Structures are given as structure tokens and as C-alpha cells.
């Protein structure tokens, strides 16, 4: 049994090493689905997630830093021409295990509500965090594909409860 466990451990470590990151940094963009959760789900449908800047830098094979700037847009299920937008700028550490990056981040957020009369109201975010994970696929050379799963939790001025959004996206990235 010990030999099987040792062989299994060596195989896993070898596989993780073969997927090790070959670059120090990356920059990319992504697009996907953003699904509101909790109280947010009562007032908004699933919407579009845009990752306008996904960037990171590795200090070594395991540790790095990440910066993400993005937004999601959601329609209200009961009202025509009523949309809710959530924008964020997030920064935090990155922990890499082979092709998998775990990214807990502090997020600066903003909530924008557009009603059917054309009024736009912006609420600055008080605080937020993102717990994210990315699996990276190499396309050869410096290009790659990133599959992202992120959980954004935030509060906004004027609202007592925290809101949350679960996001699934895919993106393209350039490694340098």
C-alpha cells in the first residue's frame, strides 16, 4: 500500500510540474456568465461578465500578485429597461499549483442602476472581496486560454445587505 501511495504521489507531483507556469506575468481579457446570488438574485437575472483587464505577475512558481478590472450587467426580471451593473477593480495575492491559480482579492466596487425613465444612479462600493480560481491552458508560444470561476461579495452605500455574484468566464491571455 505504501508503494502505491508513493507512486501516486510521484505521479501527481510530476503532472503538476508538467503544467507549471513558464511565464512570469500575463495580461488578458475574458467574457462569461454572471449569476447573482442571495438578495441580488431577487432583483436581477443572470447577465454578461466582462473581464476588461486580467493581469498577474509571479514572484516564483507558487506566489504572485493579481489585478482584475471588470463589470457585469443584469436585467431586472419584472421591469422592462431596468438594468443593474456591477463594476469592480480587485487586487490580491495569487497562489499557483501547476496550471491552477487561486486568487483571493480585495475589490473596490460600484453599483449602477438604470431605470426605465433613463435615470442612472451610481452607488460606490464600501468593500468587497473576490475568491477566484483560474485554470490555464497553453496554446503554444506566449498565448493561452484561462477558465475562470469567481465569487464576488460586496456591499454598496445605501444598502444594508451584502450582495454576491458567481461568475464563470473564459478568456485569452498573453504570457510574458
C-alpha atoms as a PDB file:
ATOM      1  CA  UNK A   1       0.000   0.000   0.000  1.00  0.00           C
ATOM      2  CA  UNK A   2       2.831   2.399   0.836  1.00  0.00           C
ATOM      3  CA  UNK A   3       4.394   1.791  -2.593  1.00  0.00           C
ATOM      4  CA  UNK A   4       1.099   2.561  -4.347  1.00  0.00           C
ATOM      5  CA  UNK A   5       0.668   5.745  -2.321  1.00  0.00           C
ATOM      6  CA  UNK A   6       4.261   6.808  -3.065  1.00  0.00           C
ATOM      7  CA  UNK A   7       3.815   6.067  -6.781  1.00  0.00           C
ATOM      8  CA  UNK A   8       0.526   8.013  -6.823  1.00  0.00           C
ATOM      9  CA  UNK A   9       2.170  10.999  -5.084  1.00  0.00           C
ATOM     10  CA  UNK A  10       5.083  10.999  -7.545  1.00  0.00           C
ATOM     11  CA  UNK A  11       2.655  10.836 -10.491  1.00  0.00           C
ATOM     12  CA  UNK A  12       0.605  13.783  -9.188  1.00  0.00           C
ATOM     13  CA  UNK A  13       3.694  15.899  -8.497  1.00  0.00           C
ATOM     14  CA  UNK A  14       5.090  15.096 -11.940  1.00  0.00           C
ATOM     15  CA  UNK A  15       1.807  16.043 -13.596  1.00  0.00           C
ATOM     16  CA  UNK A  16       1.676  19.319 -11.674  1.00  0.00           C
ATOM     17  CA  UNK A  17       5.264  20.082 -12.635  1.00  0.00           C
ATOM     18  CA  UNK A  18       4.497  19.451 -16.318  1.00  0.00           C
ATOM     19  CA  UNK A  19       1.742  22.093 -16.109  1.00  0.00           C
ATOM     20  CA  UNK A  20       3.953  24.559 -14.222  1.00  0.00           C
ATOM     21  CA  UNK A  21       3.768  28.149 -15.338  1.00  0.00           C
ATOM     22  CA  UNK A  22       6.525  29.010 -17.793  1.00  0.00           C
ATOM     23  CA  UNK A  23       5.953  32.754 -17.652  1.00  0.00           C
ATOM     24  CA  UNK A  24       6.488  35.433 -15.036  1.00  0.00           C
ATOM     25  CA  UNK A  25       3.456  37.510 -15.939  1.00  0.00           C
ATOM     26  CA  UNK A  26       0.335  37.657 -18.055  1.00  0.00           C
ATOM     27  CA  UNK A  27      -2.352  40.035 -19.285  1.00  0.00           C
ATOM     28  CA  UNK A  28      -5.679  39.072 -20.789  1.00  0.00           C
ATOM     29  CA  UNK A  29      -9.408  39.617 -21.255  1.00  0.00           C
ATOM     30  CA  UNK A  30     -12.404  37.387 -20.559  1.00  0.00           C
ATOM     31  CA  UNK A  31     -16.145  37.044 -21.153  1.00  0.00           C
ATOM     32  CA  UNK A  32     -18.740  34.889 -19.445  1.00  0.00           C
ATOM     33  CA  UNK A  33     -21.826  34.480 -17.290  1.00  0.00           C
ATOM     34  CA  UNK A  34     -22.514  36.354 -14.046  1.00  0.00           C
ATOM     35  CA  UNK A  35     -25.206  34.878 -11.818  1.00  0.00           C
ATOM     36  CA  UNK A  36     -26.489  36.983  -8.904  1.00  0.00           C
ATOM     37  CA  UNK A  37     -26.896  35.150  -5.604  1.00  0.00           C
ATOM     38  CA  UNK A  38     -28.730  35.858  -2.352  1.00  0.00           C
ATOM     39  CA  UNK A  39     -30.658  39.150  -2.188  1.00  0.00           C
ATOM     40  CA  UNK A  40     -29.144  40.231  -5.506  1.00  0.00           C
ATOM     41  CA  UNK A  41     -30.834  37.305  -7.269  1.00  0.00           C
ATOM     42  CA  UNK A  42     -34.273  38.670  -6.297  1.00  0.00           C
ATOM     43  CA  UNK A  43     -33.730  41.855  -8.291  1.00  0.00           C
ATOM     44  CA  UNK A  44     -31.599  40.735 -11.237  1.00  0.00           C
ATOM     45  CA  UNK A  45     -31.302  37.981 -13.834  1.00  0.00           C
ATOM     46  CA  UNK A  46     -28.067  36.289 -14.829  1.00  0.00           C
ATOM     47  CA  UNK A  47     -26.045  38.585 -17.052  1.00  0.00           C
ATOM     48  CA  UNK A  48     -22.897  39.158 -19.022  1.00  0.00           C
ATOM     49  CA  UNK A  49     -19.480  39.310 -17.316  1.00  0.00           C
ATOM     50  CA  UNK A  50     -16.635  41.200 -18.984  1.00  0.00           C
ATOM     51  CA  UNK A  51     -13.095  40.929 -17.650  1.00  0.00           C
ATOM     52  CA  UNK A  52     -11.540  44.035 -19.207  1.00  0.00           C
ATOM     53  CA  UNK A  53      -8.101  43.514 -17.632  1.00  0.00           C
ATOM     54  CA  UNK A  54      -6.895  40.261 -16.096  1.00  0.00           C
ATOM     55  CA  UNK A  55      -3.243  40.677 -15.132  1.00  0.00           C
ATOM     56  CA  UNK A  56      -0.802  38.900 -12.878  1.00  0.00           C
ATOM     57  CA  UNK A  57       2.862  38.585 -12.014  1.00  0.00           C
ATOM     58  CA  UNK A  58       4.601  35.602 -10.409  1.00  0.00           C
ATOM     59  CA  UNK A  59       7.428  36.164  -7.935  1.00  0.00           C
ATOM     60  CA  UNK A  60       8.224  32.429  -8.043  1.00  0.00           C
ATOM     61  CA  UNK A  61       6.433  29.213  -9.111  1.00  0.00           C
ATOM     62  CA  UNK A  62       3.949  29.412  -6.247  1.00  0.00           C
ATOM     63  CA  UNK A  63       3.416  33.057  -5.240  1.00  0.00           C
ATOM     64  CA  UNK A  64       2.370  36.105  -7.218  1.00  0.00           C
ATOM     65  CA  UNK A  65       0.041  39.100  -7.374  1.00  0.00           C
ATOM     66  CA  UNK A  66      -3.045  39.688  -9.499  1.00  0.00           C
ATOM     67  CA  UNK A  67      -5.118  42.658 -10.684  1.00  0.00           C
ATOM     68  CA  UNK A  68      -8.560  42.374 -12.285  1.00  0.00           C
ATOM     69  CA  UNK A  69     -10.872  45.045 -13.657  1.00  0.00           C
ATOM     70  CA  UNK A  70     -14.298  44.058 -14.898  1.00  0.00           C
ATOM     71  CA  UNK A  71     -18.043  44.506 -14.822  1.00  0.00           C
ATOM     72  CA  UNK A  72     -21.290  42.597 -15.153  1.00  0.00           C
ATOM     73  CA  UNK A  73     -24.693  43.733 -16.415  1.00  0.00           C
ATOM     74  CA  UNK A  74     -28.055  42.334 -15.321  1.00  0.00           C
ATOM     75  CA  UNK A  75     -31.658  42.981 -16.330  1.00  0.00           C
ATOM     76  CA  UNK A  76     -34.450  43.123 -13.758  1.00  0.00           C
ATOM     77  CA  UNK A  77     -36.910  40.251 -14.361  1.00  0.00           C
ATOM     78  CA  UNK A  78     -40.039  42.290 -13.607  1.00  0.00           C
ATOM     79  CA  UNK A  79     -39.320  45.663 -15.235  1.00  0.00           C
ATOM     80  CA  UNK A  80     -38.548  46.465 -18.845  1.00  0.00           C
ATOM     81  CA  UNK A  81     -35.466  48.651 -19.466  1.00  0.00           C
ATOM     82  CA  UNK A  82     -34.263  48.319 -15.860  1.00  0.00           C
ATOM     83  CA  UNK A  83     -30.643  47.226 -15.584  1.00  0.00           C
ATOM     84  CA  UNK A  84     -28.167  46.743 -12.785  1.00  0.00           C
ATOM     85  CA  UNK A  85     -24.434  46.968 -13.431  1.00  0.00           C
ATOM     86  CA  UNK A  86     -21.657  45.953 -11.064  1.00  0.00           C
ATOM     87  CA  UNK A  87     -18.112  47.167 -11.694  1.00  0.00           C
ATOM     88  CA  UNK A  88     -15.008  46.189  -9.771  1.00  0.00           C
ATOM     89  CA  UNK A  89     -11.274  46.695  -9.523  1.00  0.00           C
ATOM     90  CA  UNK A  90      -9.663  43.918  -7.497  1.00  0.00           C
ATOM     91  CA  UNK A  91      -6.123  43.271  -6.284  1.00  0.00           C
ATOM     92  CA  UNK A  92      -4.625  40.467  -4.244  1.00  0.00           C
ATOM     93  CA  UNK A  93      -2.205  37.573  -3.972  1.00  0.00           C
ATOM     94  CA  UNK A  94      -2.064  34.630  -6.374  1.00  0.00           C
ATOM     95  CA  UNK A  95      -1.147  31.114  -5.314  1.00  0.00           C
ATOM     96  CA  UNK A  96      -0.264  28.774  -8.191  1.00  0.00           C
ATOM     97  CA  UNK A  97      -0.377  24.983  -8.222  1.00  0.00           C
ATOM     98  CA  UNK A  98       0.692  23.914 -11.694  1.00  0.00           C
ATOM     99  CA  UNK A  99      -1.919  25.274 -14.120  1.00  0.00           C
ATOM    100  CA  UNK A 100      -4.313  26.309 -11.330  1.00  0.00           C
ATOM    101  CA  UNK A 101      -4.222  29.819  -9.841  1.00  0.00           C
ATOM    102  CA  UNK A 102      -6.100  30.611  -6.607  1.00  0.00           C
ATOM    103  CA  UNK A 103      -6.758  34.359  -6.307  1.00  0.00           C
ATOM    104  CA  UNK A 104      -8.274  35.879  -3.144  1.00  0.00           C
ATOM    105  CA  UNK A 105      -8.646  39.612  -3.798  1.00  0.00           C
ATOM    106  CA  UNK A 106      -9.886  42.818  -2.195  1.00  0.00           C
ATOM    107  CA  UNK A 107     -12.372  44.519  -4.525  1.00  0.00           C
ATOM    108  CA  UNK A 108     -13.307  48.175  -4.961  1.00  0.00           C
ATOM    109  CA  UNK A 109     -16.853  48.049  -6.343  1.00  0.00           C
ATOM    110  CA  UNK A 110     -19.572  50.262  -7.792  1.00  0.00           C
ATOM    111  CA  UNK A 111     -23.239  49.531  -8.416  1.00  0.00           C
ATOM    112  CA  UNK A 112     -25.055  51.335 -11.261  1.00  0.00           C
ATOM    113  CA  UNK A 113     -28.841  51.209 -11.642  1.00  0.00           C
ATOM    114  CA  UNK A 114     -30.578  52.395 -14.839  1.00  0.00           C
ATOM    115  CA  UNK A 115     -34.365  52.645 -14.686  1.00  0.00           C
ATOM    116  CA  UNK A 116     -36.955  52.728 -17.469  1.00  0.00           C
ATOM    117  CA  UNK A 117     -37.117  56.554 -17.323  1.00  0.00           C
ATOM    118  CA  UNK A 118     -33.439  56.877 -18.271  1.00  0.00           C
ATOM    119  CA  UNK A 119     -32.266  57.769 -14.771  1.00  0.00           C
ATOM    120  CA  UNK A 120     -28.878  56.443 -13.768  1.00  0.00           C
ATOM    121  CA  UNK A 121     -27.843  56.113 -10.123  1.00  0.00           C
ATOM    122  CA  UNK A 122     -24.336  55.102  -9.032  1.00  0.00           C
ATOM    123  CA  UNK A 123     -23.550  53.702  -5.596  1.00  0.00           C
ATOM    124  CA  UNK A 124     -19.913  53.475  -4.556  1.00  0.00           C
ATOM    125  CA  UNK A 125     -18.863  50.177  -3.096  1.00  0.00           C
ATOM    126  CA  UNK A 126     -17.889  50.166   0.549  1.00  0.00           C
ATOM    127  CA  UNK A 127     -15.985  46.899   0.483  1.00  0.00           C
ATOM    128  CA  UNK A 128     -15.807  43.631  -1.335  1.00  0.00           C
ATOM    129  CA  UNK A 129     -13.788  40.543  -1.937  1.00  0.00           C
ATOM    130  CA  UNK A 130     -13.329  38.027  -4.712  1.00  0.00           C
ATOM    131  CA  UNK A 131     -12.446  34.415  -4.173  1.00  0.00           C
ATOM    132  CA  UNK A 132     -11.353  33.236  -7.580  1.00  0.00           C
ATOM    133  CA  UNK A 133      -9.732  30.324  -9.335  1.00  0.00           C
ATOM    134  CA  UNK A 134      -8.318  30.111 -12.848  1.00  0.00           C
ATOM    135  CA  UNK A 135      -7.194  27.056 -14.778  1.00  0.00           C
ATOM    136  CA  UNK A 136      -4.737  27.900 -17.548  1.00  0.00           C
ATOM    137  CA  UNK A 137      -4.410  26.096 -20.870  1.00  0.00           C
ATOM    138  CA  UNK A 138      -1.418  26.771 -23.107  1.00  0.00           C
ATOM    139  CA  UNK A 139      -1.995  27.420 -26.805  1.00  0.00           C
ATOM    140  CA  UNK A 140       1.722  27.285 -27.540  1.00  0.00           C
ATOM    141  CA  UNK A 141       4.109  30.190 -27.638  1.00  0.00           C
ATOM    142  CA  UNK A 142       3.028  33.035 -25.371  1.00  0.00           C
ATOM    143  CA  UNK A 143      -0.737  32.584 -25.784  1.00  0.00           C
ATOM    144  CA  UNK A 144      -3.148  30.734 -23.549  1.00  0.00           C
ATOM    145  CA  UNK A 145      -6.751  30.266 -22.523  1.00  0.00           C
ATOM    146  CA  UNK A 146      -7.973  30.873 -18.975  1.00  0.00           C
ATOM    147  CA  UNK A 147     -11.091  29.260 -17.478  1.00  0.00           C
ATOM    148  CA  UNK A 148     -12.225  31.397 -14.522  1.00  0.00           C
ATOM    149  CA  UNK A 149     -14.612  30.820 -11.608  1.00  0.00           C
ATOM    150  CA  UNK A 150     -15.030  33.800  -9.256  1.00  0.00           C
ATOM    151  CA  UNK A 151     -17.258  34.592  -6.298  1.00  0.00           C
ATOM    152  CA  UNK A 152     -17.698  38.356  -5.748  1.00  0.00           C
ATOM    153  CA  UNK A 153     -19.201  39.536  -2.453  1.00  0.00           C
ATOM    154  CA  UNK A 154     -19.676  43.277  -1.876  1.00  0.00           C
ATOM    155  CA  UNK A 155     -21.646  45.976  -0.085  1.00  0.00           C
ATOM    156  CA  UNK A 156     -22.672  49.339  -1.533  1.00  0.00           C
ATOM    157  CA  UNK A 157     -23.548  52.659   0.059  1.00  0.00           C
ATOM    158  CA  UNK A 158     -27.241  52.960   0.783  1.00  0.00           C
ATOM    159  CA  UNK A 159     -27.720  49.185   1.031  1.00  0.00           C
ATOM    160  CA  UNK A 160     -27.568  47.329   4.339  1.00  0.00           C
ATOM    161  CA  UNK A 161     -27.108  43.822   2.988  1.00  0.00           C
ATOM    162  CA  UNK A 162     -24.125  42.449   1.155  1.00  0.00           C
ATOM    163  CA  UNK A 163     -24.620  41.284  -2.409  1.00  0.00           C
ATOM    164  CA  UNK A 164     -22.884  38.464  -4.233  1.00  0.00           C
ATOM    165  CA  UNK A 165     -22.338  37.290  -7.781  1.00  0.00           C
ATOM    166  CA  UNK A 166     -20.920  33.984  -9.029  1.00  0.00           C
ATOM    167  CA  UNK A 167     -19.062  34.378 -12.322  1.00  0.00           C
ATOM    168  CA  UNK A 168     -17.900  31.790 -14.869  1.00  0.00           C
ATOM    169  CA  UNK A 169     -15.830  33.084 -17.760  1.00  0.00           C
ATOM    170  CA  UNK A 170     -13.283  32.098 -20.354  1.00  0.00           C
ATOM    171  CA  UNK A 171     -10.555  34.350 -21.635  1.00  0.00           C
ATOM    172  CA  UNK A 172      -7.485  34.707 -23.746  1.00  0.00           C
ATOM    173  CA  UNK A 173      -4.189  35.769 -22.238  1.00  0.00           C
ATOM    174  CA  UNK A 174      -0.701  36.720 -23.324  1.00  0.00           C
ATOM    175  CA  UNK A 175       2.133  35.374 -21.161  1.00  0.00           C
ATOM    176  CA  UNK A 176       5.414  37.255 -20.865  1.00  0.00           C
END
